[in-house]
All heavy atoms as atom14 arrays in JSON, in Angstrom:
{
  "sequence": "VVIITGGAGEKASFSTGADLKERATMSEDEVKRFLFNIRNTFTAVENM",
  "atom14_mask": [
    [1, 1, 1, 1, 1, 1, 1, 0, 0, 0, 0, 0, 0, 0],
    [1, 1, 1, 1, 1, 1, 1, 0, 0, 0, 0, 0, 0, 0],
    [1, 1, 1, 1, 1, 1, 1, 1, 0, 0, 0, 0, 0, 0],
    [1, 1, 1, 1, 1, 1, 1, 1, 0, 0, 0, 0, 0, 0],
    [1, 1, 1, 1, 1, 1, 1, 0, 0, 0, 0, 0, 0, 0],
    [1, 1, 1, 1, 0, 0, 0, 0, 0, 0, 0, 0, 0, 0],
    [1, 1, 1, 1, 0, 0, 0, 0, 0, 0, 0, 0, 0, 0],
    [1, 1, 1, 1, 1, 0, 0, 0, 0, 0, 0, 0, 0, 0],
    [1, 1, 1, 1, 0, 0, 0, 0, 0, 0, 0, 0, 0, 0],
    [1, 1, 1, 1, 1, 1, 1, 1, 1, 0, 0, 0, 0, 0],
    [1, 1, 1, 1, 1, 1, 1, 1, 1, 0, 0, 0, 0, 0],
    [1, 1, 1, 1, 1, 0, 0, 0, 0, 0, 0, 0, 0, 0],
    [1, 1, 1, 1, 1, 1, 0, 0, 0, 0, 0, 0, 0, 0],
    [1, 1, 1, 1, 1, 1, 1, 1, 1, 1, 1, 0, 0, 0],
    [1, 1, 1, 1, 1, 1, 0, 0, 0, 0, 0, 0, 0, 0],
    [1, 1, 1, 1, 1, 1, 1, 0, 0, 0, 0, 0, 0, 0],
    [1, 1, 1, 1, 0, 0, 0, 0, 0, 0, 0, 0, 0, 0],
    [1, 1, 1, 1, 1, 0, 0, 0, 0, 0, 0, 0, 0, 0],
    [1, 1, 1, 1, 1, 1, 1, 1, 0, 0, 0, 0, 0, 0],
    [1, 1, 1, 1, 1, 1, 1, 1, 0, 0, 0, 0, 0, 0],
    [1, 1, 1, 1, 1, 1, 1, 1, 1, 0, 0, 0, 0, 0],
    [1, 1, 1, 1, 1, 1, 1, 1, 1, 0, 0, 0, 0, 0],
    [1, 1, 1, 1, 1, 1, 1, 1, 1, 1, 1, 0, 0, 0],
    [1, 1, 1, 1, 1, 0, 0, 0, 0, 0, 0, 0, 0, 0],
    [1, 1, 1, 1, 1, 1, 1, 0, 0, 0, 0, 0, 0, 0],
    [1, 1, 1, 1, 1, 1, 1, 1, 0, 0, 0, 0, 0, 0],
    [1, 1, 1, 1, 1, 1, 0, 0, 0, 0, 0, 0, 0, 0],
    [1, 1, 1, 1, 1, 1, 1, 1, 1, 0, 0, 0, 0, 0],
    [1, 1, 1, 1, 1, 1, 1, 1, 0, 0, 0, 0, 0, 0],
    [1, 1, 1, 1, 1, 1, 1, 1, 1, 0, 0, 0, 0, 0],
    [1, 1, 1, 1, 1, 1, 1, 0, 0, 0, 0, 0, 0, 0],
    [1, 1, 1, 1, 1, 1, 1, 1, 1, 0, 0, 0, 0, 0],
    [1, 1, 1, 1, 1, 1, 1, 1, 1, 1, 1, 0, 0, 0],
    [1, 1, 1, 1, 1, 1, 1, 1, 1, 1, 1, 0, 0, 0],
    [1, 1, 1, 1, 1, 1, 1, 1, 0, 0, 0, 0, 0, 0],
    [1, 1, 1, 1, 1, 1, 1, 1, 1, 1, 1, 0, 0, 0],
    [1, 1, 1, 1, 1, 1, 1, 1, 0, 0, 0, 0, 0, 0],
    [1, 1, 1, 1, 1, 1, 1, 1, 0, 0, 0, 0, 0, 0],
    [1, 1, 1, 1, 1, 1, 1, 1, 1, 1, 1, 0, 0, 0],
    [1, 1, 1, 1, 1, 1, 1, 1, 0, 0, 0, 0, 0, 0],
    [1, 1, 1, 1, 1, 1, 1, 0, 0, 0, 0, 0, 0, 0],
    [1, 1, 1, 1, 1, 1, 1, 1, 1, 1, 1, 0, 0, 0],
    [1, 1, 1, 1, 1, 1, 1, 0, 0, 0, 0, 0, 0, 0],
    [1, 1, 1, 1, 1, 0, 0, 0, 0, 0, 0, 0, 0, 0],
    [1, 1, 1, 1, 1, 1, 1, 0, 0, 0, 0, 0, 0, 0],
    [1, 1, 1, 1, 1, 1, 1, 1, 1, 0, 0, 0, 0, 0],
    [1, 1, 1, 1, 1, 1, 1, 1, 0, 0, 0, 0, 0, 0],
    [1, 1, 1, 1, 1, 1, 1, 1, 0, 0, 0, 0, 0, 0]
  ],
  "atom14_positions": [
    [[-7.72, -15.47, 15.67], [-7.05, -14.49, 16.7], [-5.72, -14.14, 15.9], [-5.06, -14.94, 15.25], [-6.85, -15.13, 18.02], [-6.26, -14.08, 18.95], [-8.06, -15.72, 18.6], [0.0, 0.0, 0.0], [0.0, 0.0, 0.0], [0.0, 0.0, 0.0], [0.0, 0.0, 0.0], [0.0, 0.0, 0.0], [0.0, 0.0, 0.0], [0.0, 0.0, 0.0]],
    [[-5.26, -12.86, 16.17], [-3.95, -12.42, 15.67], [-3.06, -12.07, 16.89], [-3.5, -11.39, 17.83], [-4.19, -11.2, 14.73], [-2.84, -10.77, 14.18], [-5.02, -11.58, 13.61], [0.0, 0.0, 0.0], [0.0, 0.0, 0.0], [0.0, 0.0, 0.0], [0.0, 0.0, 0.0], [0.0, 0.0, 0.0], [0.0, 0.0, 0.0], [0.0, 0.0, 0.0]],
    [[-1.84, -12.44, 16.83], [-0.65, -12.02, 17.8], [0.24, -11.3, 16.98], [0.77, -11.67, 15.9], [-0.16, -13.23, 18.45], [-1.11, -14.04, 19.29], [1.07, -12.79, 19.27], [-0.59, -15.38, 19.87], [0.0, 0.0, 0.0], [0.0, 0.0, 0.0], [0.0, 0.0, 0.0], [0.0, 0.0, 0.0], [0.0, 0.0, 0.0], [0.0, 0.0, 0.0]],
    [[0.61, -10.1, 17.49], [1.69, -9.29, 16.95], [2.73, -9.14, 17.97], [2.59, -8.85, 19.1], [1.17, -7.94, 16.53], [0.03, -7.89, 15.55], [2.32, -6.98, 15.91], [-0.49, -6.56, 15.17], [0.0, 0.0, 0.0], [0.0, 0.0, 0.0], [0.0, 0.0, 0.0], [0.0, 0.0, 0.0], [0.0, 0.0, 0.0], [0.0, 0.0, 0.0]],
    [[4.0, -9.5, 17.49], [5.23, -9.48, 18.39], [6.37, -9.08, 17.64], [6.42, -8.85, 16.38], [5.33, -11.05, 18.84], [6.44, -10.92, 19.85], [5.8, -11.91, 17.74], [0.0, 0.0, 0.0], [0.0, 0.0, 0.0], [0.0, 0.0, 0.0], [0.0, 0.0, 0.0], [0.0, 0.0, 0.0], [0.0, 0.0, 0.0], [0.0, 0.0, 0.0]],
    [[7.43, -8.77, 18.43], [8.72, -8.41, 17.86], [9.81, -9.5, 17.83], [10.97, -9.21, 17.69], [0.0, 0.0, 0.0], [0.0, 0.0, 0.0], [0.0, 0.0, 0.0], [0.0, 0.0, 0.0], [0.0, 0.0, 0.0], [0.0, 0.0, 0.0], [0.0, 0.0, 0.0], [0.0, 0.0, 0.0], [0.0, 0.0, 0.0], [0.0, 0.0, 0.0]],
    [[9.31, -10.75, 18.23], [10.37, -11.85, 18.06], [10.79, -12.15, 19.53], [10.24, -11.71, 20.5], [0.0, 0.0, 0.0], [0.0, 0.0, 0.0], [0.0, 0.0, 0.0], [0.0, 0.0, 0.0], [0.0, 0.0, 0.0], [0.0, 0.0, 0.0], [0.0, 0.0, 0.0], [0.0, 0.0, 0.0], [0.0, 0.0, 0.0], [0.0, 0.0, 0.0]],
    [[11.74, -13.04, 19.56], [12.32, -13.59, 20.83], [13.76, -13.29, 20.81], [14.43, -12.82, 20.01], [12.04, -15.08, 20.81], [0.0, 0.0, 0.0], [0.0, 0.0, 0.0], [0.0, 0.0, 0.0], [0.0, 0.0, 0.0], [0.0, 0.0, 0.0], [0.0, 0.0, 0.0], [0.0, 0.0, 0.0], [0.0, 0.0, 0.0], [0.0, 0.0, 0.0]],
    [[14.31, -13.47, 22.14], [15.78, -13.34, 22.35], [16.05, -12.15, 23.31], [15.06, -11.29, 23.45], [0.0, 0.0, 0.0], [0.0, 0.0, 0.0], [0.0, 0.0, 0.0], [0.0, 0.0, 0.0], [0.0, 0.0, 0.0], [0.0, 0.0, 0.0], [0.0, 0.0, 0.0], [0.0, 0.0, 0.0], [0.0, 0.0, 0.0], [0.0, 0.0, 0.0]],
    [[17.01, -12.14, 23.95], [17.32, -11.17, 25.02], [17.4, -9.75, 24.51], [17.08, -8.81, 25.12], [18.73, -11.44, 25.64], [18.76, -12.79, 26.41], [20.16, -13.03, 27.12], [21.05, -12.14, 26.93], [20.17, -13.99, 27.78], [0.0, 0.0, 0.0], [0.0, 0.0, 0.0], [0.0, 0.0, 0.0], [0.0, 0.0, 0.0], [0.0, 0.0, 0.0]],
    [[17.87, -9.58, 23.16], [17.97, -8.2, 22.64], [16.8, -7.85, 21.7], [16.72, -6.86, 21.06], [19.2, -8.09, 21.9], [20.43, -8.3, 22.76], [21.81, -7.97, 21.99], [23.02, -8.08, 22.89], [24.27, -7.84, 22.15], [0.0, 0.0, 0.0], [0.0, 0.0, 0.0], [0.0, 0.0, 0.0], [0.0, 0.0, 0.0], [0.0, 0.0, 0.0]],
    [[15.76, -8.72, 21.76], [14.52, -8.39, 20.88], [13.74, -7.15, 21.44], [13.69, -6.82, 22.57], [13.66, -9.62, 20.92], [0.0, 0.0, 0.0], [0.0, 0.0, 0.0], [0.0, 0.0, 0.0], [0.0, 0.0, 0.0], [0.0, 0.0, 0.0], [0.0, 0.0, 0.0], [0.0, 0.0, 0.0], [0.0, 0.0, 0.0], [0.0, 0.0, 0.0]],
    [[13.14, -6.5, 20.55], [12.28, -5.4, 20.8], [10.94, -5.65, 20.11], [10.95, -6.18, 19.05], [12.91, -4.08, 20.3], [14.11, -3.72, 21.11], [0.0, 0.0, 0.0], [0.0, 0.0, 0.0], [0.0, 0.0, 0.0], [0.0, 0.0, 0.0], [0.0, 0.0, 0.0], [0.0, 0.0, 0.0], [0.0, 0.0, 0.0], [0.0, 0.0, 0.0]],
    [[9.86, -5.06, 20.73], [8.64, -5.04, 20.11], [8.62, -4.09, 18.83], [8.68, -4.51, 17.7], [7.52, -4.65, 20.95], [6.13, -4.61, 20.45], [5.52, -5.84, 20.22], [5.48, -3.45, 20.14], [4.22, -5.89, 19.68], [4.25, -3.5, 19.59], [3.58, -4.68, 19.33], [0.0, 0.0, 0.0], [0.0, 0.0, 0.0], [0.0, 0.0, 0.0]],
    [[8.88, -2.76, 19.17], [9.21, -1.81, 18.08], [9.52, -0.56, 18.82], [8.9, -0.22, 19.75], [8.09, -1.57, 17.11], [8.32, -0.55, 16.28], [0.0, 0.0, 0.0], [0.0, 0.0, 0.0], [0.0, 0.0, 0.0], [0.0, 0.0, 0.0], [0.0, 0.0, 0.0], [0.0, 0.0, 0.0], [0.0, 0.0, 0.0], [0.0, 0.0, 0.0]],
    [[10.58, 0.16, 18.17], [10.94, 1.41, 18.76], [10.34, 2.58, 17.97], [10.83, 3.7, 18.0], [12.5, 1.56, 18.81], [13.08, 1.34, 17.55], [13.21, 0.73, 19.89], [0.0, 0.0, 0.0], [0.0, 0.0, 0.0], [0.0, 0.0, 0.0], [0.0, 0.0, 0.0], [0.0, 0.0, 0.0], [0.0, 0.0, 0.0], [0.0, 0.0, 0.0]],
    [[9.35, 2.27, 17.18], [8.68, 3.34, 16.41], [9.21, 3.56, 15.02], [9.82, 2.63, 14.43], [0.0, 0.0, 0.0], [0.0, 0.0, 0.0], [0.0, 0.0, 0.0], [0.0, 0.0, 0.0], [0.0, 0.0, 0.0], [0.0, 0.0, 0.0], [0.0, 0.0, 0.0], [0.0, 0.0, 0.0], [0.0, 0.0, 0.0], [0.0, 0.0, 0.0]],
    [[9.09, 4.8, 14.53], [9.56, 5.14, 13.1], [11.03, 4.93, 13.04], [11.71, 5.23, 14.02], [9.13, 6.44, 12.83], [0.0, 0.0, 0.0], [0.0, 0.0, 0.0], [0.0, 0.0, 0.0], [0.0, 0.0, 0.0], [0.0, 0.0, 0.0], [0.0, 0.0, 0.0], [0.0, 0.0, 0.0], [0.0, 0.0, 0.0], [0.0, 0.0, 0.0]],
    [[11.44, 4.54, 11.96], [12.91, 4.4, 11.58], [13.47, 5.87, 11.4], [13.19, 6.49, 10.38], [13.08, 3.64, 10.31], [14.54, 3.36, 10.05], [15.46, 4.18, 10.42], [14.88, 2.33, 9.35], [0.0, 0.0, 0.0], [0.0, 0.0, 0.0], [0.0, 0.0, 0.0], [0.0, 0.0, 0.0], [0.0, 0.0, 0.0], [0.0, 0.0, 0.0]],
    [[14.15, 6.36, 12.41], [14.52, 7.81, 12.32], [15.67, 8.08, 11.42], [15.75, 9.2, 10.85], [15.0, 8.25, 13.77], [13.92, 8.2, 14.92], [14.49, 8.73, 16.15], [12.63, 9.02, 14.36], [0.0, 0.0, 0.0], [0.0, 0.0, 0.0], [0.0, 0.0, 0.0], [0.0, 0.0, 0.0], [0.0, 0.0, 0.0], [0.0, 0.0, 0.0]],
    [[16.4, 7.07, 11.05], [17.39, 7.14, 9.97], [16.64, 7.36, 8.58], [17.16, 8.27, 7.84], [18.38, 6.03, 9.97], [19.24, 5.85, 11.21], [20.24, 4.65, 11.07], [21.09, 4.67, 12.24], [22.01, 3.44, 12.13], [0.0, 0.0, 0.0], [0.0, 0.0, 0.0], [0.0, 0.0, 0.0], [0.0, 0.0, 0.0], [0.0, 0.0, 0.0]],
    [[15.68, 6.67, 8.39], [14.91, 6.77, 7.18], [14.16, 8.06, 7.15], [14.04, 8.84, 6.15], [13.93, 5.63, 6.99], [13.25, 5.62, 5.59], [12.24, 4.47, 5.4], [11.2, 4.48, 6.06], [12.66, 3.52, 4.74], [0.0, 0.0, 0.0], [0.0, 0.0, 0.0], [0.0, 0.0, 0.0], [0.0, 0.0, 0.0], [0.0, 0.0, 0.0]],
    [[13.58, 8.45, 8.37], [12.79, 9.75, 8.5], [13.64, 10.92, 8.12], [13.14, 11.89, 7.58], [12.26, 9.74, 9.91], [11.55, 11.01, 10.31], [10.21, 11.16, 9.7], [9.34, 10.12, 10.09], [8.62, 10.15, 11.19], [8.62, 11.22, 11.99], [7.84, 9.15, 11.49], [0.0, 0.0, 0.0], [0.0, 0.0, 0.0], [0.0, 0.0, 0.0]],
    [[14.99, 10.79, 8.53], [15.82, 11.95, 8.2], [16.07, 12.26, 6.72], [16.33, 13.4, 6.38], [17.22, 11.74, 8.9], [0.0, 0.0, 0.0], [0.0, 0.0, 0.0], [0.0, 0.0, 0.0], [0.0, 0.0, 0.0], [0.0, 0.0, 0.0], [0.0, 0.0, 0.0], [0.0, 0.0, 0.0], [0.0, 0.0, 0.0], [0.0, 0.0, 0.0]],
    [[15.77, 11.36, 5.94], [15.99, 11.38, 4.44], [14.65, 11.93, 3.8], [14.63, 12.29, 2.61], [16.38, 10.14, 3.78], [15.2, 9.18, 3.9], [17.55, 9.57, 4.43], [0.0, 0.0, 0.0], [0.0, 0.0, 0.0], [0.0, 0.0, 0.0], [0.0, 0.0, 0.0], [0.0, 0.0, 0.0], [0.0, 0.0, 0.0], [0.0, 0.0, 0.0]],
    [[13.54, 11.98, 4.57], [12.25, 12.4, 4.0], [12.08, 13.86, 3.95], [12.53, 14.65, 4.86], [11.16, 11.78, 4.81], [11.18, 10.18, 4.85], [9.76, 9.74, 5.91], [10.0, 7.94, 5.88], [0.0, 0.0, 0.0], [0.0, 0.0, 0.0], [0.0, 0.0, 0.0], [0.0, 0.0, 0.0], [0.0, 0.0, 0.0], [0.0, 0.0, 0.0]],
    [[11.38, 14.43, 2.94], [10.97, 15.78, 2.79], [9.62, 15.99, 3.77], [9.16, 14.94, 4.36], [10.48, 16.05, 1.47], [9.33, 15.37, 1.1], [0.0, 0.0, 0.0], [0.0, 0.0, 0.0], [0.0, 0.0, 0.0], [0.0, 0.0, 0.0], [0.0, 0.0, 0.0], [0.0, 0.0, 0.0], [0.0, 0.0, 0.0], [0.0, 0.0, 0.0]],
    [[9.33, 17.08, 4.01], [8.14, 17.37, 4.9], [6.96, 16.73, 4.35], [6.14, 16.16, 5.13], [7.94, 18.85, 5.08], [8.96, 19.63, 5.79], [8.71, 21.01, 6.08], [7.54, 21.5, 5.68], [9.58, 21.75, 6.62], [0.0, 0.0, 0.0], [0.0, 0.0, 0.0], [0.0, 0.0, 0.0], [0.0, 0.0, 0.0], [0.0, 0.0, 0.0]],
    [[6.71, 16.7, 3.11], [5.54, 16.06, 2.46], [5.62, 14.56, 2.62], [4.64, 13.91, 2.87], [5.49, 16.43, 0.97], [4.92, 17.81, 0.75], [4.32, 18.49, 1.69], [5.07, 18.3, -0.36], [0.0, 0.0, 0.0], [0.0, 0.0, 0.0], [0.0, 0.0, 0.0], [0.0, 0.0, 0.0], [0.0, 0.0, 0.0], [0.0, 0.0, 0.0]],
    [[6.84, 14.02, 2.53], [7.01, 12.54, 2.67], [6.71, 12.07, 4.15], [6.21, 11.11, 4.36], [8.36, 12.13, 2.18], [8.6, 12.19, 0.76], [10.0, 11.95, 0.37], [11.02, 12.28, 1.11], [10.29, 11.34, -0.66], [0.0, 0.0, 0.0], [0.0, 0.0, 0.0], [0.0, 0.0, 0.0], [0.0, 0.0, 0.0], [0.0, 0.0, 0.0]],
    [[7.11, 12.97, 5.09], [6.83, 12.75, 6.45], [5.26, 12.67, 6.78], [4.72, 11.84, 7.43], [7.5, 13.81, 7.35], [7.02, 13.62, 8.87], [8.95, 13.6, 7.41], [0.0, 0.0, 0.0], [0.0, 0.0, 0.0], [0.0, 0.0, 0.0], [0.0, 0.0, 0.0], [0.0, 0.0, 0.0], [0.0, 0.0, 0.0], [0.0, 0.0, 0.0]],
    [[4.6, 13.74, 6.1], [3.18, 13.75, 6.22], [2.49, 12.39, 5.65], [1.57, 11.85, 6.25], [2.56, 14.91, 5.56], [2.97, 16.35, 6.27], [2.44, 17.39, 5.46], [2.85, 18.75, 6.11], [2.27, 19.88, 5.31], [0.0, 0.0, 0.0], [0.0, 0.0, 0.0], [0.0, 0.0, 0.0], [0.0, 0.0, 0.0], [0.0, 0.0, 0.0]],
    [[3.01, 12.05, 4.54], [2.47, 10.76, 3.89], [2.84, 9.53, 4.8], [1.89, 8.69, 5.01], [3.01, 10.56, 2.49], [2.5, 9.38, 1.7], [3.24, 9.24, 0.49], [2.8, 10.42, -0.48], [1.8, 10.32, -1.3], [1.06, 9.33, -1.28], [1.44, 11.31, -2.03], [0.0, 0.0, 0.0], [0.0, 0.0, 0.0], [0.0, 0.0, 0.0]],
    [[3.9, 9.53, 5.39], [4.25, 8.44, 6.22], [3.35, 8.35, 7.49], [2.86, 7.27, 7.81], [5.73, 8.45, 6.66], [6.23, 7.27, 7.52], [6.66, 6.16, 6.83], [6.17, 7.35, 8.88], [7.06, 5.13, 7.66], [6.55, 6.35, 9.65], [7.01, 5.12, 8.96], [0.0, 0.0, 0.0], [0.0, 0.0, 0.0], [0.0, 0.0, 0.0]],
    [[3.06, 9.5, 8.13], [2.24, 9.61, 9.26], [0.85, 9.11, 8.84], [0.16, 8.5, 9.64], [2.27, 11.0, 9.87], [3.42, 11.45, 10.48], [3.44, 12.89, 10.91], [3.65, 10.62, 11.86], [0.0, 0.0, 0.0], [0.0, 0.0, 0.0], [0.0, 0.0, 0.0], [0.0, 0.0, 0.0], [0.0, 0.0, 0.0], [0.0, 0.0, 0.0]],
    [[0.39, 9.62, 7.68], [-0.98, 9.1, 7.17], [-1.02, 7.58, 7.07], [-2.0, 6.93, 7.48], [-1.18, 9.85, 5.93], [-2.55, 9.45, 5.21], [-3.68, 10.16, 5.63], [-2.64, 8.37, 4.29], [-4.84, 9.81, 5.13], [-3.79, 8.22, 3.74], [-4.91, 8.82, 4.06], [0.0, 0.0, 0.0], [0.0, 0.0, 0.0], [0.0, 0.0, 0.0]],
    [[0.13, 7.15, 6.55], [0.04, 5.65, 6.34], [0.11, 4.77, 7.65], [-0.55, 3.82, 7.85], [1.23, 5.16, 5.41], [0.97, 5.58, 3.97], [-0.16, 5.78, 3.51], [2.05, 5.78, 3.28], [0.0, 0.0, 0.0], [0.0, 0.0, 0.0], [0.0, 0.0, 0.0], [0.0, 0.0, 0.0], [0.0, 0.0, 0.0], [0.0, 0.0, 0.0]],
    [[0.91, 5.36, 8.55], [1.1, 4.64, 9.89], [-0.17, 4.73, 10.7], [-0.64, 3.74, 11.38], [2.32, 5.13, 10.71], [2.67, 4.08, 11.76], [2.09, 6.46, 11.4], [4.13, 4.3, 12.35], [0.0, 0.0, 0.0], [0.0, 0.0, 0.0], [0.0, 0.0, 0.0], [0.0, 0.0, 0.0], [0.0, 0.0, 0.0], [0.0, 0.0, 0.0]],
    [[-0.74, 5.92, 10.58], [-2.09, 6.01, 11.33], [-3.25, 5.09, 10.84], [-3.92, 4.6, 11.49], [-2.59, 7.5, 11.27], [-3.76, 7.76, 12.23], [-4.24, 9.19, 12.15], [-3.06, 10.23, 12.46], [-2.39, 11.05, 11.75], [-2.72, 11.1, 10.41], [-1.45, 11.81, 12.22], [0.0, 0.0, 0.0], [0.0, 0.0, 0.0], [0.0, 0.0, 0.0]],
    [[-3.25, 5.14, 9.48], [-4.27, 4.24, 8.89], [-3.89, 2.73, 9.02], [-4.9, 1.96, 9.28], [-4.36, 4.51, 7.39], [-4.99, 5.87, 7.04], [-5.57, 6.4, 7.84], [-5.02, 6.23, 5.85], [0.0, 0.0, 0.0], [0.0, 0.0, 0.0], [0.0, 0.0, 0.0], [0.0, 0.0, 0.0], [0.0, 0.0, 0.0], [0.0, 0.0, 0.0]],
    [[-2.66, 2.39, 9.09], [-2.44, 0.93, 9.38], [-2.64, 0.52, 10.79], [-3.31, -0.55, 10.97], [-0.85, 0.76, 9.11], [-0.63, 1.14, 7.8], [-0.44, -0.77, 9.35], [0.0, 0.0, 0.0], [0.0, 0.0, 0.0], [0.0, 0.0, 0.0], [0.0, 0.0, 0.0], [0.0, 0.0, 0.0], [0.0, 0.0, 0.0], [0.0, 0.0, 0.0]],
    [[-2.46, 1.38, 11.75], [-2.77, 1.03, 13.11], [-4.3, 1.02, 13.31], [-4.78, 0.21, 14.12], [-2.13, 2.08, 14.08], [-0.52, 1.91, 14.19], [0.23, 2.92, 14.85], [0.06, 0.88, 13.47], [1.54, 2.82, 14.9], [1.39, 0.83, 13.52], [2.18, 1.8, 14.13], [0.0, 0.0, 0.0], [0.0, 0.0, 0.0], [0.0, 0.0, 0.0]],
    [[-4.98, 1.92, 12.55], [-6.45, 1.95, 12.74], [-6.96, 0.59, 12.11], [-7.99, 0.12, 12.58], [-7.08, 3.12, 12.0], [-6.53, 4.32, 12.8], [-8.57, 3.19, 12.06], [0.0, 0.0, 0.0], [0.0, 0.0, 0.0], [0.0, 0.0, 0.0], [0.0, 0.0, 0.0], [0.0, 0.0, 0.0], [0.0, 0.0, 0.0], [0.0, 0.0, 0.0]],
    [[-6.38, 0.1, 11.1], [-6.79, -1.21, 10.41], [-6.61, -2.32, 11.47], [-7.36, -3.27, 11.39], [-6.0, -1.4, 9.2], [0.0, 0.0, 0.0], [0.0, 0.0, 0.0], [0.0, 0.0, 0.0], [0.0, 0.0, 0.0], [0.0, 0.0, 0.0], [0.0, 0.0, 0.0], [0.0, 0.0, 0.0], [0.0, 0.0, 0.0], [0.0, 0.0, 0.0]],
    [[-5.44, -2.2, 12.18], [-5.28, -3.1, 13.29], [-6.42, -3.15, 14.3], [-7.07, -4.2, 14.63], [-3.94, -2.98, 14.01], [-3.73, -3.88, 15.25], [-2.7, -3.28, 13.08], [0.0, 0.0, 0.0], [0.0, 0.0, 0.0], [0.0, 0.0, 0.0], [0.0, 0.0, 0.0], [0.0, 0.0, 0.0], [0.0, 0.0, 0.0], [0.0, 0.0, 0.0]],
    [[-6.71, -1.94, 14.7], [-7.7, -1.83, 15.67], [-9.11, -2.32, 15.12], [-10.01, -2.78, 15.86], [-7.93, -0.35, 16.01], [-8.92, 0.02, 17.13], [-8.92, 1.54, 17.51], [-8.97, 2.35, 16.63], [-8.83, 1.95, 18.6], [0.0, 0.0, 0.0], [0.0, 0.0, 0.0], [0.0, 0.0, 0.0], [0.0, 0.0, 0.0], [0.0, 0.0, 0.0]],
    [[-9.3, -2.08, 13.86], [-10.67, -2.39, 13.23], [-10.78, -3.84, 12.77], [-11.79, -4.24, 12.24], [-11.03, -1.41, 12.18], [-11.26, -0.04, 12.68], [-11.75, 0.15, 13.77], [-11.15, 0.99, 11.88], [0.0, 0.0, 0.0], [0.0, 0.0, 0.0], [0.0, 0.0, 0.0], [0.0, 0.0, 0.0], [0.0, 0.0, 0.0], [0.0, 0.0, 0.0]],
    [[-9.8, -4.7, 12.97], [-9.87, -6.03, 12.49], [-11.0, -6.66, 13.18], [-11.32, -6.48, 14.32], [-8.63, -6.82, 12.85], [-7.43, -6.4, 12.07], [-6.03, -7.7, 12.27], [-6.66, -9.01, 11.23], [0.0, 0.0, 0.0], [0.0, 0.0, 0.0], [0.0, 0.0, 0.0], [0.0, 0.0, 0.0], [0.0, 0.0, 0.0], [0.0, 0.0, 0.0]]
  ]
}
């Protein structure tokens, strides 16, 4: 069994999504590649 978490503590977060600071430095093609990777990674989680 696998558990995915964001850690512990009062200020802990599961995840707030894409790093928008990093996203702001990406070109349009890089954004497309990132979306492709994040979609495939989450699908890999689903298909475990």
